[in-house]
Amino acid sequence: MIKKRVFVAFADKKVKKAFEALKEKDPKLHKFISRAIDDLKENPFCGISIPKKLIPRIYIKKYRTNNLWKYNLPGAWRLLYSVIGSEVSIVSIILEWLPHKKYERKFKY
């Protein structure tokens, strides 16, 4: 059996730049997200799957995704990502991270 290759990518350059900027702005959050990226490389499905009916339309329109996953970060932050795959690879695509309050508003909890 062939083991699938696993990758983590950012949804776009803006998201990647925001992550890189955290190194200076918020090193703690940068470290938490870096740890999450390592976890996603080990297991792309380590987060919590968001039911399809609860995925905010903005993610469907902006990223053309049909799946959304939530990874709980320390300090009540949430990392949102999508997973795509083929027979040979799986890619976790980081869409954004946000504090819990903003997450609740976005998901209308």
PDB file of N, CA and C in Angstrom:
ATOM      1  N   MET A   1       0.834  -1.185   0.000  1.00  0.00           N
ATOM      2  CA  MET A   1       0.000   0.000   0.000  1.00  0.00           C
ATOM      3  C   MET A   1       0.880   1.250   0.000  1.00  0.00           C
ATOM      4  N   ILE A   2       0.542   2.192  -0.853  1.00  0.00           N
ATOM      5  CA  ILE A   2       1.291   3.440  -0.960  1.00  0.00           C
ATOM      6  C   ILE A   2       0.757   4.433   0.058  1.00  0.00           C
ATOM      7  N   LYS A   3       1.679   5.018   0.816  1.00  0.00           N
ATOM      8  CA  LYS A   3       1.274   6.027   1.790  1.00  0.00           C
ATOM      9  C   LYS A   3       1.100   7.365   1.073  1.00  0.00           C
ATOM     10  N   LYS A   4      -0.010   8.038   1.357  1.00  0.00           N
ATOM     11  CA  LYS A   4      -0.265   9.335   0.732  1.00  0.00           C
ATOM     12  C   LYS A   4       0.665  10.386   1.311  1.00  0.00           C
ATOM     13  N   ARG A   5       1.096  11.303   0.452  1.00  0.00           N
ATOM     14  CA  ARG A   5       1.907  12.429   0.907  1.00  0.00           C
ATOM     15  C   ARG A   5       0.965  13.489   1.458  1.00  0.00           C
ATOM     16  N   VAL A   6       1.369  14.119   2.557  1.00  0.00           N
ATOM     17  CA  VAL A   6       0.524  15.103   3.230  1.00  0.00           C
ATOM     18  C   VAL A   6       1.226  16.458   3.233  1.00  0.00           C
ATOM     19  N   PHE A   7       0.479  17.495   2.850  1.00  0.00           N
ATOM     20  CA  PHE A   7       1.012  18.851   2.780  1.00  0.00           C
ATOM     21  C   PHE A   7       0.075  19.803   3.508  1.00  0.00           C
ATOM     22  N   VAL A   8       0.620  20.954   3.889  1.00  0.00           N
ATOM     23  CA  VAL A   8      -0.189  22.043   4.445  1.00  0.00           C
ATOM     24  C   VAL A   8       0.137  23.278   3.618  1.00  0.00           C
ATOM     25  N   ALA A   9      -0.896  23.998   3.198  1.00  0.00           N
ATOM     26  CA  ALA A   9      -0.718  25.204   2.396  1.00  0.00           C
ATOM     27  C   ALA A   9      -1.632  26.299   2.931  1.00  0.00           C
ATOM     28  N   PHE A  10      -1.347  27.515   2.526  1.00  0.00           N
ATOM     29  CA  PHE A  10      -2.198  28.641   2.881  1.00  0.00           C
ATOM     30  C   PHE A  10      -3.137  28.913   1.718  1.00  0.00           C
ATOM     31  N   ALA A  11      -4.326  29.381   2.007  1.00  0.00           N
ATOM     32  CA  ALA A  11      -5.346  29.601   0.984  1.00  0.00           C
ATOM     33  C   ALA A  11      -4.882  30.585  -0.086  1.00  0.00           C
ATOM     34  N   ASP A  12      -4.133  31.600   0.332  1.00  0.00           N
ATOM     35  CA  ASP A  12      -3.617  32.579  -0.619  1.00  0.00           C
ATOM     36  C   ASP A  12      -2.432  33.317  -0.008  1.00  0.00           C
ATOM     37  N   LYS A  13      -1.833  34.217  -0.776  1.00  0.00           N
ATOM     38  CA  LYS A  13      -0.650  34.951  -0.315  1.00  0.00           C
ATOM     39  C   LYS A  13      -0.960  35.829   0.892  1.00  0.00           C
ATOM     40  N   LYS A  14      -2.160  36.373   0.935  1.00  0.00           N
ATOM     41  CA  LYS A  14      -2.562  37.247   2.035  1.00  0.00           C
ATOM     42  C   LYS A  14      -2.555  36.483   3.370  1.00  0.00           C
ATOM     43  N   VAL A  15      -3.067  35.272   3.353  1.00  0.00           N
ATOM     44  CA  VAL A  15      -3.115  34.451   4.567  1.00  0.00           C
ATOM     45  C   VAL A  15      -1.688  34.072   4.986  1.00  0.00           C
ATOM     46  N   LYS A  16      -0.857  33.731   4.010  1.00  0.00           N
ATOM     47  CA  LYS A  16       0.529  33.368   4.314  1.00  0.00           C
ATOM     48  C   LYS A  16       1.285  34.564   4.906  1.00  0.00           C
ATOM     49  N   LYS A  17       1.082  35.744   4.328  1.00  0.00           N
ATOM     50  CA  LYS A  17       1.746  36.952   4.835  1.00  0.00           C
ATOM     51  C   LYS A  17       1.290  37.269   6.259  1.00  0.00           C
ATOM     52  N   ALA A  18       0.000  37.096   6.513  1.00  0.00           N
ATOM     53  CA  ALA A  18      -0.540  37.344   7.854  1.00  0.00           C
ATOM     54  C   ALA A  18       0.108  36.395   8.864  1.00  0.00           C
ATOM     55  N   PHE A  19       0.296  35.142   8.462  1.00  0.00           N
ATOM     56  CA  PHE A  19       0.948  34.164   9.336  1.00  0.00           C
ATOM     57  C   PHE A  19       2.393  34.576   9.605  1.00  0.00           C
ATOM     58  N   GLU A  20       3.114  34.957   8.559  1.00  0.00           N
ATOM     59  CA  GLU A  20       4.508  35.363   8.716  1.00  0.00           C
ATOM     60  C   GLU A  20       4.630  36.615   9.598  1.00  0.00           C
ATOM     61  N   ALA A  21       3.667  37.524   9.476  1.00  0.00           N
ATOM     62  CA  ALA A  21       3.671  38.751  10.280  1.00  0.00           C
ATOM     63  C   ALA A  21       3.475  38.458  11.766  1.00  0.00           C
ATOM     64  N   LEU A  22       2.827  37.343  12.071  1.00  0.00           N
ATOM     65  CA  LEU A  22       2.595  36.982  13.478  1.00  0.00           C
ATOM     66  C   LEU A  22       3.894  36.749  14.238  1.00  0.00           C
ATOM     67  N   LYS A  23       4.945  36.393  13.514  1.00  0.00           N
ATOM     68  CA  LYS A  23       6.232  36.148  14.160  1.00  0.00           C
ATOM     69  C   LYS A  23       6.659  37.354  14.994  1.00  0.00           C
ATOM     70  N   GLU A  24       6.400  38.550  14.455  1.00  0.00           N
ATOM     71  CA  GLU A  24       6.741  39.792  15.148  1.00  0.00           C
ATOM     72  C   GLU A  24       5.581  40.291  16.025  1.00  0.00           C
ATOM     73  N   LYS A  25       4.382  40.268  15.453  1.00  0.00           N
ATOM     74  CA  LYS A  25       3.203  40.829  16.139  1.00  0.00           C
ATOM     75  C   LYS A  25       2.750  40.016  17.343  1.00  0.00           C
ATOM     76  N   ASP A  26       2.667  38.705  17.161  1.00  0.00           N
ATOM     77  CA  ASP A  26       2.135  37.826  18.204  1.00  0.00           C
ATOM     78  C   ASP A  26       2.866  36.482  18.148  1.00  0.00           C
ATOM     79  N   PRO A  27       4.096  36.446  18.678  1.00  0.00           N
ATOM     80  CA  PRO A  27       4.899  35.219  18.586  1.00  0.00           C
ATOM     81  C   PRO A  27       4.228  33.992  19.200  1.00  0.00           C
ATOM     82  N   LYS A  28       3.441  34.209  20.249  1.00  0.00           N
ATOM     83  CA  LYS A  28       2.750  33.093  20.897  1.00  0.00           C
ATOM     84  C   LYS A  28       1.745  32.443  19.936  1.00  0.00           C
ATOM     85  N   LEU A  29       0.926  33.279  19.287  1.00  0.00           N
ATOM     86  CA  LEU A  29      -0.061  32.763  18.329  1.00  0.00           C
ATOM     87  C   LEU A  29       0.646  32.105  17.148  1.00  0.00           C
ATOM     88  N   HIS A  30       1.747  32.695  16.694  1.00  0.00           N
ATOM     89  CA  HIS A  30       2.536  32.110  15.597  1.00  0.00           C
ATOM     90  C   HIS A  30       2.996  30.705  15.981  1.00  0.00           C
ATOM     91  N   LYS A  31       3.449  30.559  17.209  1.00  0.00           N
ATOM     92  CA  LYS A  31       3.910  29.259  17.701  1.00  0.00           C
ATOM     93  C   LYS A  31       2.753  28.258  17.749  1.00  0.00           C
ATOM     94  N   PHE A  32       1.582  28.702  18.228  1.00  0.00           N
ATOM     95  CA  PHE A  32       0.411  27.812  18.286  1.00  0.00           C
ATOM     96  C   PHE A  32       0.026  27.330  16.888  1.00  0.00           C
ATOM     97  N   ILE A  33       0.010  28.243  15.923  1.00  0.00           N
ATOM     98  CA  ILE A  33      -0.366  27.882  14.548  1.00  0.00           C
ATOM     99  C   ILE A  33       0.697  26.972  13.936  1.00  0.00           C
ATOM    100  N   SER A  34       1.964  27.247  14.224  1.00  0.00           N
ATOM    101  CA  SER A  34       3.045  26.382  13.722  1.00  0.00           C
ATOM    102  C   SER A  34       2.880  24.960  14.251  1.00  0.00           C
ATOM    103  N   ARG A  35       2.515  24.853  15.515  1.00  0.00           N
ATOM    104  CA  ARG A  35       2.282  23.535  16.109  1.00  0.00           C
ATOM    105  C   ARG A  35       1.096  22.847  15.433  1.00  0.00           C
ATOM    106  N   ALA A  36       0.048  23.627  15.150  1.00  0.00           N
ATOM    107  CA  ALA A  36      -1.123  23.070  14.457  1.00  0.00           C
ATOM    108  C   ALA A  36      -0.728  22.577  13.065  1.00  0.00           C
ATOM    109  N   ILE A  37       0.113  23.334  12.379  1.00  0.00           N
ATOM    110  CA  ILE A  37       0.575  22.928  11.043  1.00  0.00           C
ATOM    111  C   ILE A  37       1.314  21.589  11.129  1.00  0.00           C
ATOM    112  N   ASP A  38       2.154  21.443  12.141  1.00  0.00           N
ATOM    113  CA  ASP A  38       2.854  20.162  12.339  1.00  0.00           C
ATOM    114  C   ASP A  38       1.855  19.031  12.568  1.00  0.00           C
ATOM    115  N   ASP A  39       0.835  19.296  13.384  1.00  0.00           N
ATOM    116  CA  ASP A  39      -0.197  18.284  13.638  1.00  0.00           C
ATOM    117  C   ASP A  39      -0.944  17.916  12.355  1.00  0.00           C
ATOM    118  N   LEU A  40      -1.253  18.931  11.532  1.00  0.00           N
ATOM    119  CA  LEU A  40      -1.971  18.681  10.272  1.00  0.00           C
ATOM    120  C   LEU A  40      -1.123  17.884   9.290  1.00  0.00           C
ATOM    121  N   LYS A  41       0.189  18.065   9.352  1.00  0.00           N
ATOM    122  CA  LYS A  41       1.082  17.277   8.494  1.00  0.00           C
ATOM    123  C   LYS A  41       1.056  15.813   8.904  1.00  0.00           C
ATOM    124  N   GLU A  42       0.872  15.571  10.201  1.00  0.00           N
ATOM    125  CA  GLU A  42       0.783  14.197  10.709  1.00  0.00           C
ATOM    126  C   GLU A  42      -0.584  13.581  10.418  1.00  0.00           C
ATOM    127  N   ASN A  43      -1.635  14.388  10.600  1.00  0.00           N
ATOM    128  CA  ASN A  43      -2.998  13.900  10.412  1.00  0.00           C
ATOM    129  C   ASN A  43      -3.899  15.059   9.977  1.00  0.00           C
ATOM    130  N   PRO A  44      -4.200  15.157   8.676  1.00  0.00           N
ATOM    131  CA  PRO A  44      -5.028  16.260   8.180  1.00  0.00           C
ATOM    132  C   PRO A  44      -6.432  16.301   8.789  1.00  0.00           C
ATOM    133  N   PHE A  45      -6.856  15.206   9.387  1.00  0.00           N
ATOM    134  CA  PHE A  45      -8.207  15.131   9.936  1.00  0.00           C
ATOM    135  C   PHE A  45      -8.211  15.210  11.466  1.00  0.00           C
ATOM    136  N   CYS A  46      -7.165  15.817  12.039  1.00  0.00           N
ATOM    137  CA  CYS A  46      -7.064  15.891  13.501  1.00  0.00           C
ATOM    138  C   CYS A  46      -7.986  16.960  14.089  1.00  0.00           C
ATOM    139  N   GLY A  47      -8.502  17.841  13.257  1.00  0.00           N
ATOM    140  CA  GLY A  47      -9.430  18.862  13.729  1.00  0.00           C
ATOM    141  C   GLY A  47     -10.842  18.320  13.841  1.00  0.00           C
ATOM    142  N   ILE A  48     -11.774  19.226  13.997  1.00  0.00           N
ATOM    143  CA  ILE A  48     -13.188  18.868  14.115  1.00  0.00           C
ATOM    144  C   ILE A  48     -13.886  19.259  12.818  1.00  0.00           C
ATOM    145  N   SER A  49     -14.552  18.320  12.205  1.00  0.00           N
ATOM    146  CA  SER A  49     -15.265  18.578  10.955  1.00  0.00           C
ATOM    147  C   SER A  49     -16.515  19.425  11.228  1.00  0.00           C
ATOM    148  N   ILE A  50     -16.664  20.492  10.469  1.00  0.00           N
ATOM    149  CA  ILE A  50     -17.852  21.345  10.578  1.00  0.00           C
ATOM    150  C   ILE A  50     -18.923  20.749   9.658  1.00  0.00           C
ATOM    151  N   PRO A  51     -20.112  20.470  10.177  1.00  0.00           N
ATOM    152  CA  PRO A  51     -21.173  19.939   9.308  1.00  0.00           C
ATOM    153  C   PRO A  51     -21.423  20.871   8.113  1.00  0.00           C
ATOM    154  N   LYS A  52     -21.632  20.279   6.953  1.00  0.00           N
ATOM    155  CA  LYS A  52     -21.808  21.055   5.716  1.00  0.00           C
ATOM    156  C   LYS A  52     -22.859  22.158   5.830  1.00  0.00           C
ATOM    157  N   LYS A  53     -23.958  21.864   6.500  1.00  0.00           N
ATOM    158  CA  LYS A  53     -25.031  22.866   6.610  1.00  0.00           C
ATOM    159  C   LYS A  53     -24.632  24.059   7.474  1.00  0.00           C
ATOM    160  N   LEU A  54     -23.556  23.929   8.266  1.00  0.00           N
ATOM    161  CA  LEU A  54     -23.105  25.013   9.138  1.00  0.00           C
ATOM    162  C   LEU A  54     -21.942  25.830   8.557  1.00  0.00           C
ATOM    163  N   ILE A  55     -21.435  25.423   7.388  1.00  0.00           N
ATOM    164  CA  ILE A  55     -20.317  26.155   6.774  1.00  0.00           C
ATOM    165  C   ILE A  55     -20.827  27.515   6.296  1.00  0.00           C
ATOM    166  N   PRO A  56     -20.227  28.606   6.807  1.00  0.00           N
ATOM    167  CA  PRO A  56     -20.654  29.935   6.346  1.00  0.00           C
ATOM    168  C   PRO A  56     -20.445  30.098   4.838  1.00  0.00           C
ATOM    169  N   ARG A  57     -21.401  30.741   4.190  1.00  0.00           N
ATOM    170  CA  ARG A  57     -21.363  30.928   2.739  1.00  0.00           C
ATOM    171  C   ARG A  57     -20.081  31.601   2.251  1.00  0.00           C
ATOM    172  N   ILE A  58     -19.524  32.464   3.088  1.00  0.00           N
ATOM    173  CA  ILE A  58     -18.313  33.187   2.693  1.00  0.00           C
ATOM    174  C   ILE A  58     -17.188  32.217   2.324  1.00  0.00           C
ATOM    175  N   TYR A  59     -17.077  31.106   3.050  1.00  0.00           N
ATOM    176  CA  TYR A  59     -16.024  30.128   2.749  1.00  0.00           C
ATOM    177  C   TYR A  59     -16.316  29.382   1.456  1.00  0.00           C
ATOM    178  N   ILE A  60     -17.570  29.083   1.233  1.00  0.00           N
ATOM    179  CA  ILE A  60     -17.964  28.375   0.014  1.00  0.00           C
ATOM    180  C   ILE A  60     -17.704  29.261  -1.207  1.00  0.00           C
ATOM    181  N   LYS A  61     -18.075  30.548  -1.107  1.00  0.00           N
ATOM    182  CA  LYS A  61     -17.881  31.477  -2.224  1.00  0.00           C
ATOM    183  C   LYS A  61     -16.411  31.813  -2.436  1.00  0.00           C
ATOM    184  N   LYS A  62     -15.746  32.231  -1.375  1.00  0.00           N
ATOM    185  CA  LYS A  62     -14.373  32.722  -1.490  1.00  0.00           C
ATOM    186  C   LYS A  62     -13.373  31.615  -1.825  1.00  0.00           C
ATOM    187  N   TYR A  63     -13.540  30.455  -1.194  1.00  0.00           N
ATOM    188  CA  TYR A  63     -12.552  29.384  -1.359  1.00  0.00           C
ATOM    189  C   TYR A  63     -13.069  28.183  -2.146  1.00  0.00           C
ATOM    190  N   ARG A  64     -14.330  28.241  -2.544  1.00  0.00           N
ATOM    191  CA  ARG A  64     -14.957  27.139  -3.306  1.00  0.00           C
ATOM    192  C   ARG A  64     -14.743  25.789  -2.618  1.00  0.00           C
ATOM    193  N   THR A  65     -14.962  25.808  -1.320  1.00  0.00           N
ATOM    194  CA  THR A  65     -14.759  24.583  -0.549  1.00  0.00           C
ATOM    195  C   THR A  65     -16.090  23.926  -0.211  1.00  0.00           C
ATOM    196  N   ASN A  66     -16.059  22.630  -0.068  1.00  0.00           N
ATOM    197  CA  ASN A  66     -17.261  21.907   0.346  1.00  0.00           C
ATOM    198  C   ASN A  66     -17.025  21.197   1.687  1.00  0.00           C
ATOM    199  N   ASN A  67     -15.862  21.498   2.300  1.00  0.00           N
ATOM    200  CA  ASN A  67     -15.592  20.949   3.630  1.00  0.00           C
ATOM    201  C   ASN A  67     -14.815  21.973   4.440  1.00  0.00           C
ATOM    202  N   LEU A  68     -15.056  21.965   5.722  1.00  0.00           N
ATOM    203  CA  LEU A  68     -14.397  22.914   6.608  1.00  0.00           C
ATOM    204  C   LEU A  68     -14.091  22.204   7.916  1.00  0.00           C
ATOM    205  N   TRP A  69     -12.896  22.453   8.411  1.00  0.00           N
ATOM    206  CA  TRP A  69     -12.431  21.842   9.643  1.00  0.00           C
ATOM    207  C   TRP A  69     -12.001  22.925  10.611  1.00  0.00           C
ATOM    208  N   LYS A  70     -12.159  22.650  11.892  1.00  0.00           N
ATOM    209  CA  LYS A  70     -11.773  23.576  12.948  1.00  0.00           C
ATOM    210  C   LYS A  70     -10.729  22.897  13.824  1.00  0.00           C
ATOM    211  N   TYR A  71      -9.653  23.628  14.071  1.00  0.00           N
ATOM    212  CA  TYR A  71      -8.610  23.153  14.977  1.00  0.00           C
ATOM    213  C   TYR A  71      -8.578  24.142  16.134  1.00  0.00           C
ATOM    214  N   ASN A  72      -8.820  23.677  17.344  1.00  0.00           N
ATOM    215  CA  ASN A  72      -8.821  24.554  18.515  1.00  0.00           C
ATOM    216  C   ASN A  72      -7.388  24.857  18.937  1.00  0.00           C
ATOM    217  N   LEU A  73      -7.070  26.141  18.954  1.00  0.00           N
ATOM    218  CA  LEU A  73      -5.763  26.595  19.400  1.00  0.00           C
ATOM    219  C   LEU A  73      -5.869  27.066  20.841  1.00  0.00           C
ATOM    220  N   PRO A  74      -4.743  27.116  21.569  1.00  0.00           N
ATOM    221  CA  PRO A  74      -4.783  27.659  22.940  1.00  0.00           C
ATOM    222  C   PRO A  74      -5.255  29.120  22.934  1.00  0.00           C
ATOM    223  N   GLY A  75      -5.736  29.563  24.064  1.00  0.00           N
ATOM    224  CA  GLY A  75      -6.169  30.949  24.192  1.00  0.00           C
ATOM    225  C   GLY A  75      -7.470  31.239  23.476  1.00  0.00           C
ATOM    226  N   ALA A  76      -8.284  30.221  23.268  1.00  0.00           N
ATOM    227  CA  ALA A  76      -9.606  30.343  22.616  1.00  0.00           C
ATOM    228  C   ALA A  76      -9.533  30.833  21.174  1.00  0.00           C
ATOM    229  N   TRP A  77      -8.447  30.527  20.479  1.00  0.00           N
ATOM    230  CA  TRP A  77      -8.338  30.825  19.050  1.00  0.00           C
ATOM    231  C   TRP A  77      -8.790  29.604  18.266  1.00  0.00           C
ATOM    232  N   ARG A  78      -9.261  29.837  17.038  1.00  0.00           N
ATOM    233  CA  ARG A  78      -9.702  28.759  16.153  1.00  0.00           C
ATOM    234  C   ARG A  78      -8.967  28.874  14.817  1.00  0.00           C
ATOM    235  N   LEU A  79      -8.454  27.762  14.328  1.00  0.00           N
ATOM    236  CA  LEU A  79      -7.831  27.696  13.009  1.00  0.00           C
ATOM    237  C   LEU A  79      -8.816  26.982  12.099  1.00  0.00           C
ATOM    238  N   LEU A  80      -9.165  27.607  10.987  1.00  0.00           N
ATOM    239  CA  LEU A  80     -10.105  27.003  10.048  1.00  0.00           C
ATOM    240  C   LEU A  80      -9.354  26.569   8.802  1.00  0.00           C
ATOM    241  N   TYR A  81      -9.631  25.347   8.378  1.00  0.00           N
ATOM    242  CA  TYR A  81      -8.943  24.814   7.200  1.00  0.00           C
ATOM    243  C   TYR A  81      -9.857  23.879   6.424  1.00  0.00           C
ATOM    244  N   SER A  82      -9.452  23.623   5.199  1.00  0.00           N
ATOM    245  CA  SER A  82     -10.179  22.717   4.325  1.00  0.00           C
ATOM    246  C   SER A  82      -9.208  21.620   3.901  1.00  0.00           C
ATOM    247  N   VAL A  83      -9.718  20.477   3.521  1.00  0.00           N
ATOM    248  CA  VAL A  83      -8.863  19.358   3.113  1.00  0.00           C
ATOM    249  C   VAL A  83      -9.240  18.930   1.699  1.00  0.00           C
ATOM    250  N   ILE A  84      -8.211  18.829   0.850  1.00  0.00           N
ATOM    251  CA  ILE A  84      -8.429  18.284  -0.492  1.00  0.00           C
ATOM    252  C   ILE A  84      -7.476  17.106  -0.663  1.00  0.00           C
ATOM    253  N   GLY A  85      -7.835  16.184  -1.514  1.00  0.00           N
ATOM    254  CA  GLY A  85      -6.976  15.024  -1.670  1.00  0.00           C
ATOM    255  C   GLY A  85      -7.137  14.336  -3.003  1.00  0.00           C
ATOM    256  N   SER A  86      -6.175  13.490  -3.267  1.00  0.00           N
ATOM    257  CA  SER A  86      -6.196  12.660  -4.467  1.00  0.00           C
ATOM    258  C   SER A  86      -5.693  11.283  -4.047  1.00  0.00           C
ATOM    259  N   GLU A  87      -5.424  10.460  -5.008  1.00  0.00           N
ATOM    260  CA  GLU A  87      -4.938   9.120  -4.677  1.00  0.00           C
ATOM    261  C   GLU A  87      -3.531   9.146  -4.092  1.00  0.00           C
ATOM    262  N   VAL A  88      -2.781  10.212  -4.371  1.00  0.00           N
ATOM    263  CA  VAL A  88      -1.391  10.248  -3.926  1.00  0.00           C
ATOM    264  C   VAL A  88      -1.073  11.285  -2.853  1.00  0.00           C
ATOM    265  N   SER A  89      -1.959  12.277  -2.660  1.00  0.00           N
ATOM    266  CA  SER A  89      -1.641  13.303  -1.671  1.00  0.00           C
ATOM    267  C   SER A  89      -2.891  13.896  -1.013  1.00  0.00           C
ATOM    268  N   ILE A  90      -2.649  14.490   0.149  1.00  0.00           N
ATOM    269  CA  ILE A  90      -3.692  15.195   0.892  1.00  0.00           C
ATOM    270  C   ILE A  90      -3.121  16.563   1.249  1.00  0.00           C
ATOM    271  N   VAL A  91      -3.913  17.600   1.029  1.00  0.00           N
ATOM    272  CA  VAL A  91      -3.473  18.958   1.350  1.00  0.00           C
ATOM    273  C   VAL A  91      -4.479  19.597   2.305  1.00  0.00           C
ATOM    274  N   SER A  92      -3.966  20.083   3.429  1.00  0.00           N
ATOM    275  CA  SER A  92      -4.776  20.880   4.356  1.00  0.00           C
ATOM    276  C   SER A  92      -4.533  22.331   3.968  1.00  0.00           C
ATOM    277  N   ILE A  93      -5.606  23.050   3.673  1.00  0.00           N
ATOM    278  CA  ILE A  93      -5.485  24.441   3.237  1.00  0.00           C
ATOM    279  C   ILE A  93      -5.972  25.348   4.356  1.00  0.00           C
ATOM    280  N   ILE A  94      -5.046  26.128   4.911  1.00  0.00           N
ATOM    281  CA  ILE A  94      -5.395  27.039   6.006  1.00  0.00           C
ATOM    282  C   ILE A  94      -6.106  28.250   5.426  1.00  0.00           C
ATOM    283  N   LEU A  95      -7.333  28.475   5.903  1.00  0.00           N
ATOM    284  CA  LEU A  95      -8.148  29.580   5.421  1.00  0.00           C
ATOM    285  C   LEU A  95      -7.996  30.811   6.300  1.00  0.00           C
ATOM    286  N   GLU A  96      -8.063  30.613   7.614  1.00  0.00           N
ATOM    287  CA  GLU A  96      -7.879  31.730   8.546  1.00  0.00           C
ATOM    288  C   GLU A  96      -7.844  31.221   9.976  1.00  0.00           C
ATOM    289  N   TRP A  97      -7.477  32.093  10.876  1.00  0.00           N
ATOM    290  CA  TRP A  97      -7.547  31.836  12.310  1.00  0.00           C
ATOM    291  C   TRP A  97      -8.216  33.050  12.928  1.00  0.00           C
ATOM    292  N   LEU A  98      -8.968  32.817  13.965  1.00  0.00           N
ATOM    293  CA  LEU A  98      -9.699  33.912  14.577  1.00  0.00           C
ATOM    294  C   LEU A  98      -9.987  33.608  16.035  1.00  0.00           C
ATOM    295  N   PRO A  99     -10.168  34.671  16.844  1.00  0.00           N
ATOM    296  CA  PRO A  99     -10.509  34.444  18.247  1.00  0.00           C
ATOM    297  C   PRO A  99     -11.910  33.852  18.358  1.00  0.00           C
ATOM    298  N   HIS A 100     -12.157  33.194  19.473  1.00  0.00           N
ATOM    299  CA  HIS A 100     -13.422  32.482  19.660  1.00  0.00           C
ATOM    300  C   HIS A 100     -14.653  33.373  19.458  1.00  0.00           C
ATOM    301  N   LYS A 101     -14.633  34.595  19.977  1.00  0.00           N
ATOM    302  CA  LYS A 101     -15.798  35.498  19.837  1.00  0.00           C
ATOM    303  C   LYS A 101     -16.117  35.749  18.372  1.00  0.00           C
ATOM    304  N   LYS A 102     -15.092  36.025  17.582  1.00  0.00           N
ATOM    305  CA  LYS A 102     -15.292  36.280  16.154  1.00  0.00           C
ATOM    306  C   LYS A 102     -15.786  34.999  15.448  1.00  0.00           C
ATOM    307  N   TYR A 103     -15.249  33.866  15.887  1.00  0.00           N
ATOM    308  CA  TYR A 103     -15.668  32.570  15.358  1.00  0.00           C
ATOM    309  C   TYR A 103     -17.158  32.357  15.630  1.00  0.00           C
ATOM    310  N   GLU A 104     -17.590  32.637  16.854  1.00  0.00           N
ATOM    311  CA  GLU A 104     -19.004  32.478  17.217  1.00  0.00           C
ATOM    312  C   GLU A 104     -19.909  33.361  16.355  1.00  0.00           C
ATOM    313  N   ARG A 105     -19.489  34.598  16.129  1.00  0.00           N
ATOM    314  CA  ARG A 105     -20.286  35.508  15.294  1.00  0.00           C
ATOM    315  C   ARG A 105     -20.368  35.004  13.852  1.00  0.00           C
ATOM    316  N   LYS A 106     -19.235  34.561  13.330  1.00  0.00           N
ATOM    317  CA  LYS A 106     -19.196  34.090  11.944  1.00  0.00           C
ATOM    318  C   LYS A 106     -20.099  32.865  11.742  1.00  0.00           C
ATOM    319  N   PHE A 107     -20.127  32.009  12.753  1.00  0.00           N
ATOM    320  CA  PHE A 107     -20.925  30.775  12.664  1.00  0.00           C
ATOM    321  C   PHE A 107     -22.309  30.923  13.280  1.00  0.00           C
ATOM    322  N   LYS A 108     -22.626  32.129  13.742  1.00  0.00           N
ATOM    323  CA  LYS A 108     -23.935  32.463  14.306  1.00  0.00           C
ATOM    324  C   LYS A 108     -24.325  31.545  15.461  1.00  0.00           C
ATOM    325  N   TYR A 109     -23.374  31.330  16.371  1.00  0.00           N
ATOM    326  CA  TYR A 109     -23.638  30.521  17.573  1.00  0.00           C
ATOM    327  C   TYR A 109     -24.236  31.410  18.633  1.00  0.00           C
TER     328      TYR A 109
END
